Amino acid sequence: MSITITLPEEIERQLRQDWPDMERVALEGFLIEAYRQKRVSAYQVGGLLGLSDY
């Protein structure tokens, strides 16, 4: 699944200064919220983020 977020170019440039890999930051934020709401397990989050211990 792919999710598209539309941002004005100015805001994208501003955010990319601190987050060059904004796609990863967005994925992490999405997964954190899904985990917080008990929609996914820690194991699933680790797997989706490519963490080797999971």
PDB file of N, CA and C in Angstrom:
ATOM      1  N   MET A   1       0.845  -1.177   0.000  1.00  0.00           N
ATOM      2  CA  MET A   1       0.000   0.000   0.000  1.00  0.00           C
ATOM      3  C   MET A   1       0.889   1.238   0.000  1.00  0.00           C
ATOM      4  N   SER A   2       0.466   2.216  -0.707  1.00  0.00           N
ATOM      5  CA  SER A   2       1.156   3.506  -0.730  1.00  0.00           C
ATOM      6  C   SER A   2       0.196   4.580  -0.240  1.00  0.00           C
ATOM      7  N   ILE A   3       0.749   5.532   0.487  1.00  0.00           N
ATOM      8  CA  ILE A   3      -0.028   6.667   0.968  1.00  0.00           C
ATOM      9  C   ILE A   3       0.666   7.932   0.467  1.00  0.00           C
ATOM     10  N   THR A   4      -0.104   8.846  -0.062  1.00  0.00           N
ATOM     11  CA  THR A   4       0.441  10.099  -0.575  1.00  0.00           C
ATOM     12  C   THR A   4       0.009  11.238   0.330  1.00  0.00           C
ATOM     13  N   ILE A   5       0.966  12.066   0.685  1.00  0.00           N
ATOM     14  CA  ILE A   5       0.691  13.260   1.478  1.00  0.00           C
ATOM     15  C   ILE A   5       1.054  14.461   0.618  1.00  0.00           C
ATOM     16  N   THR A   6       0.108  15.353   0.431  1.00  0.00           N
ATOM     17  CA  THR A   6       0.341  16.538  -0.388  1.00  0.00           C
ATOM     18  C   THR A   6       0.649  17.717   0.526  1.00  0.00           C
ATOM     19  N   LEU A   7       1.827  18.299   0.320  1.00  0.00           N
ATOM     20  CA  LEU A   7       2.257  19.460   1.100  1.00  0.00           C
ATOM     21  C   LEU A   7       2.654  20.573   0.144  1.00  0.00           C
ATOM     22  N   PRO A   8       2.443  21.808   0.538  1.00  0.00           N
ATOM     23  CA  PRO A   8       2.984  22.905  -0.257  1.00  0.00           C
ATOM     24  C   PRO A   8       4.513  22.768  -0.316  1.00  0.00           C
ATOM     25  N   GLU A   9       5.111  23.143  -1.438  1.00  0.00           N
ATOM     26  CA  GLU A   9       6.555  22.995  -1.624  1.00  0.00           C
ATOM     27  C   GLU A   9       7.359  23.677  -0.525  1.00  0.00           C
ATOM     28  N   GLU A  10       6.915  24.831  -0.095  1.00  0.00           N
ATOM     29  CA  GLU A  10       7.648  25.567   0.945  1.00  0.00           C
ATOM     30  C   GLU A  10       7.716  24.760   2.239  1.00  0.00           C
ATOM     31  N   ILE A  11       6.617  24.151   2.625  1.00  0.00           N
ATOM     32  CA  ILE A  11       6.600  23.352   3.850  1.00  0.00           C
ATOM     33  C   ILE A  11       7.449  22.094   3.676  1.00  0.00           C
ATOM     34  N   GLU A  12       7.379  21.478   2.501  1.00  0.00           N
ATOM     35  CA  GLU A  12       8.213  20.303   2.254  1.00  0.00           C
ATOM     36  C   GLU A  12       9.696  20.648   2.390  1.00  0.00           C
ATOM     37  N   ARG A  13      10.117  21.741   1.774  1.00  0.00           N
ATOM     38  CA  ARG A  13      11.524  22.164   1.884  1.00  0.00           C
ATOM     39  C   ARG A  13      11.908  22.404   3.341  1.00  0.00           C
ATOM     40  N   GLN A  14      11.035  23.061   4.070  1.00  0.00           N
ATOM     41  CA  GLN A  14      11.303  23.362   5.474  1.00  0.00           C
ATOM     42  C   GLN A  14      11.467  22.082   6.284  1.00  0.00           C
ATOM     43  N   LEU A  15      10.572  21.125   6.089  1.00  0.00           N
ATOM     44  CA  LEU A  15      10.638  19.867   6.844  1.00  0.00           C
ATOM     45  C   LEU A  15      11.835  19.022   6.441  1.00  0.00           C
ATOM     46  N   ARG A  16      12.165  19.011   5.155  1.00  0.00           N
ATOM     47  CA  ARG A  16      13.294  18.199   4.683  1.00  0.00           C
ATOM     48  C   ARG A  16      14.630  18.694   5.220  1.00  0.00           C
ATOM     49  N   GLN A  17      14.691  19.935   5.669  1.00  0.00           N
ATOM     50  CA  GLN A  17      15.938  20.429   6.270  1.00  0.00           C
ATOM     51  C   GLN A  17      16.291  19.593   7.498  1.00  0.00           C
ATOM     52  N   ASP A  18      15.296  19.240   8.296  1.00  0.00           N
ATOM     53  CA  ASP A  18      15.532  18.446   9.496  1.00  0.00           C
ATOM     54  C   ASP A  18      15.315  16.957   9.254  1.00  0.00           C
ATOM     55  N   TRP A  19      14.478  16.635   8.288  1.00  0.00           N
ATOM     56  CA  TRP A  19      14.130  15.236   7.997  1.00  0.00           C
ATOM     57  C   TRP A  19      14.376  14.931   6.528  1.00  0.00           C
ATOM     58  N   PRO A  20      15.619  14.690   6.121  1.00  0.00           N
ATOM     59  CA  PRO A  20      15.882  14.412   4.715  1.00  0.00           C
ATOM     60  C   PRO A  20      15.103  13.196   4.207  1.00  0.00           C
ATOM     61  N   ASP A  21      14.866  12.218   5.084  1.00  0.00           N
ATOM     62  CA  ASP A  21      14.100  11.028   4.702  1.00  0.00           C
ATOM     63  C   ASP A  21      12.691  11.148   5.283  1.00  0.00           C
ATOM     64  N   MET A  22      11.947  12.120   4.763  1.00  0.00           N
ATOM     65  CA  MET A  22      10.601  12.379   5.295  1.00  0.00           C
ATOM     66  C   MET A  22       9.687  11.180   5.152  1.00  0.00           C
ATOM     67  N   GLU A  23       9.892  10.382   4.125  1.00  0.00           N
ATOM     68  CA  GLU A  23       9.056   9.204   3.937  1.00  0.00           C
ATOM     69  C   GLU A  23       9.196   8.253   5.119  1.00  0.00           C
ATOM     70  N   ARG A  24      10.429   8.080   5.592  1.00  0.00           N
ATOM     71  CA  ARG A  24      10.686   7.212   6.751  1.00  0.00           C
ATOM     72  C   ARG A  24      10.062   7.813   8.010  1.00  0.00           C
ATOM     73  N   VAL A  25      10.207   9.110   8.185  1.00  0.00           N
ATOM     74  CA  VAL A  25       9.631   9.794   9.351  1.00  0.00           C
ATOM     75  C   VAL A  25       8.114   9.627   9.359  1.00  0.00           C
ATOM     76  N   ALA A  26       7.493   9.762   8.193  1.00  0.00           N
ATOM     77  CA  ALA A  26       6.035   9.602   8.105  1.00  0.00           C
ATOM     78  C   ALA A  26       5.633   8.160   8.435  1.00  0.00           C
ATOM     79  N   LEU A  27       6.380   7.186   7.912  1.00  0.00           N
ATOM     80  CA  LEU A  27       6.094   5.784   8.205  1.00  0.00           C
ATOM     81  C   LEU A  27       6.223   5.513   9.702  1.00  0.00           C
ATOM     82  N   GLU A  28       7.284   5.993  10.307  1.00  0.00           N
ATOM     83  CA  GLU A  28       7.482   5.790  11.747  1.00  0.00           C
ATOM     84  C   GLU A  28       6.339   6.415  12.547  1.00  0.00           C
ATOM     85  N   GLY A  29       5.942   7.625  12.192  1.00  0.00           N
ATOM     86  CA  GLY A  29       4.844   8.289  12.900  1.00  0.00           C
ATOM     87  C   GLY A  29       3.542   7.516  12.768  1.00  0.00           C
ATOM     88  N   PHE A  30       3.279   7.020  11.575  1.00  0.00           N
ATOM     89  CA  PHE A  30       2.075   6.224  11.324  1.00  0.00           C
ATOM     90  C   PHE A  30       2.094   4.951  12.169  1.00  0.00           C
ATOM     91  N   LEU A  31       3.234   4.272  12.186  1.00  0.00           N
ATOM     92  CA  LEU A  31       3.334   3.026  12.948  1.00  0.00           C
ATOM     93  C   LEU A  31       3.281   3.263  14.454  1.00  0.00           C
ATOM     94  N   ILE A  32       3.870   4.349  14.914  1.00  0.00           N
ATOM     95  CA  ILE A  32       3.797   4.679  16.344  1.00  0.00           C
ATOM     96  C   ILE A  32       2.349   4.862  16.764  1.00  0.00           C
ATOM     97  N   GLU A  33       1.594   5.591  15.963  1.00  0.00           N
ATOM     98  CA  GLU A  33       0.188   5.815  16.299  1.00  0.00           C
ATOM     99  C   GLU A  33      -0.608   4.513  16.221  1.00  0.00           C
ATOM    100  N   ALA A  34      -0.341   3.686  15.217  1.00  0.00           N
ATOM    101  CA  ALA A  34      -1.029   2.396  15.107  1.00  0.00           C
ATOM    102  C   ALA A  34      -0.700   1.511  16.319  1.00  0.00           C
ATOM    103  N   TYR A  35       0.547   1.529  16.750  1.00  0.00           N
ATOM    104  CA  TYR A  35       0.953   0.746  17.935  1.00  0.00           C
ATOM    105  C   TYR A  35       0.292   1.303  19.195  1.00  0.00           C
ATOM    106  N   ARG A  36       0.291   2.613  19.318  1.00  0.00           N
ATOM    107  CA  ARG A  36      -0.318   3.255  20.495  1.00  0.00           C
ATOM    108  C   ARG A  36      -1.785   2.871  20.617  1.00  0.00           C
ATOM    109  N   GLN A  37      -2.464   2.757  19.486  1.00  0.00           N
ATOM    110  CA  GLN A  37      -3.876   2.388  19.490  1.00  0.00           C
ATOM    111  C   GLN A  37      -4.088   0.867  19.490  1.00  0.00           C
ATOM    112  N   LYS A  38      -2.993   0.139  19.656  1.00  0.00           N
ATOM    113  CA  LYS A  38      -3.044  -1.327  19.718  1.00  0.00           C
ATOM    114  C   LYS A  38      -3.599  -1.946  18.431  1.00  0.00           C
ATOM    115  N   ARG A  39      -3.287  -1.336  17.301  1.00  0.00           N
ATOM    116  CA  ARG A  39      -3.703  -1.856  15.992  1.00  0.00           C
ATOM    117  C   ARG A  39      -2.662  -2.803  15.412  1.00  0.00           C
ATOM    118  N   VAL A  40      -1.395  -2.615  15.824  1.00  0.00           N
ATOM    119  CA  VAL A  40      -0.296  -3.481  15.397  1.00  0.00           C
ATOM    120  C   VAL A  40       0.560  -3.811  16.606  1.00  0.00           C
ATOM    121  N   SER A  41       1.291  -4.914  16.498  1.00  0.00           N
ATOM    122  CA  SER A  41       2.157  -5.340  17.602  1.00  0.00           C
ATOM    123  C   SER A  41       3.555  -4.731  17.452  1.00  0.00           C
ATOM    124  N   ALA A  42       4.324  -4.803  18.525  1.00  0.00           N
ATOM    125  CA  ALA A  42       5.714  -4.349  18.469  1.00  0.00           C
ATOM    126  C   ALA A  42       6.480  -5.169  17.439  1.00  0.00           C
ATOM    127  N   TYR A  43       6.174  -6.443  17.359  1.00  0.00           N
ATOM    128  CA  TYR A  43       6.815  -7.319  16.375  1.00  0.00           C
ATOM    129  C   TYR A  43       6.532  -6.834  14.957  1.00  0.00           C
ATOM    130  N   GLN A  44       5.287  -6.481  14.680  1.00  0.00           N
ATOM    131  CA  GLN A  44       4.926  -5.995  13.353  1.00  0.00           C
ATOM    132  C   GLN A  44       5.614  -4.666  13.039  1.00  0.00           C
ATOM    133  N   VAL A  45       5.649  -3.773  14.018  1.00  0.00           N
ATOM    134  CA  VAL A  45       6.323  -2.482  13.825  1.00  0.00           C
ATOM    135  C   VAL A  45       7.797  -2.707  13.508  1.00  0.00           C
ATOM    136  N   GLY A  46       8.439  -3.545  14.297  1.00  0.00           N
ATOM    137  CA  GLY A  46       9.856  -3.834  14.065  1.00  0.00           C
ATOM    138  C   GLY A  46      10.101  -4.404  12.683  1.00  0.00           C
ATOM    139  N   GLY A  47       9.254  -5.326  12.265  1.00  0.00           N
ATOM    140  CA  GLY A  47       9.398  -5.916  10.945  1.00  0.00           C
ATOM    141  C   GLY A  47       9.227  -4.891   9.826  1.00  0.00           C
ATOM    142  N   LEU A  48       8.216  -4.035   9.958  1.00  0.00           N
ATOM    143  CA  LEU A  48       7.954  -3.025   8.933  1.00  0.00           C
ATOM    144  C   LEU A  48       9.066  -1.980   8.854  1.00  0.00           C
ATOM    145  N   LEU A  49       9.731  -1.755   9.983  1.00  0.00           N
ATOM    146  CA  LEU A  49      10.828  -0.788   9.995  1.00  0.00           C
ATOM    147  C   LEU A  49      12.177  -1.425   9.670  1.00  0.00           C
ATOM    148  N   GLY A  50      12.173  -2.735   9.464  1.00  0.00           N
ATOM    149  CA  GLY A  50      13.413  -3.428   9.097  1.00  0.00           C
ATOM    150  C   GLY A  50      14.378  -3.586  10.252  1.00  0.00           C
ATOM    151  N   LEU A  51      13.861  -3.652  11.469  1.00  0.00           N
ATOM    152  CA  LEU A  51      14.718  -3.843  12.628  1.00  0.00           C
ATOM    153  C   LEU A  51      15.046  -5.320  12.771  1.00  0.00           C
ATOM    154  N   SER A  52      16.307  -5.637  12.855  1.00  0.00           N
ATOM    155  CA  SER A  52      16.738  -7.035  12.812  1.00  0.00           C
ATOM    156  C   SER A  52      16.334  -7.854  14.045  1.00  0.00           C
ATOM    157  N   ASP A  53      16.137  -7.230  15.184  1.00  0.00           N
ATOM    158  CA  ASP A  53      15.780  -7.974  16.396  1.00  0.00           C
ATOM    159  C   ASP A  53      14.317  -8.397  16.405  1.00  0.00           C
ATOM    160  N   TYR A  54      13.559  -7.951  15.425  1.00  0.00           N
ATOM    161  CA  TYR A  54      12.152  -8.286  15.373  1.00  0.00           C
ATOM    162  C   TYR A  54      11.944  -9.268  14.271  1.00  0.00           C
TER     163      TYR A  54
END
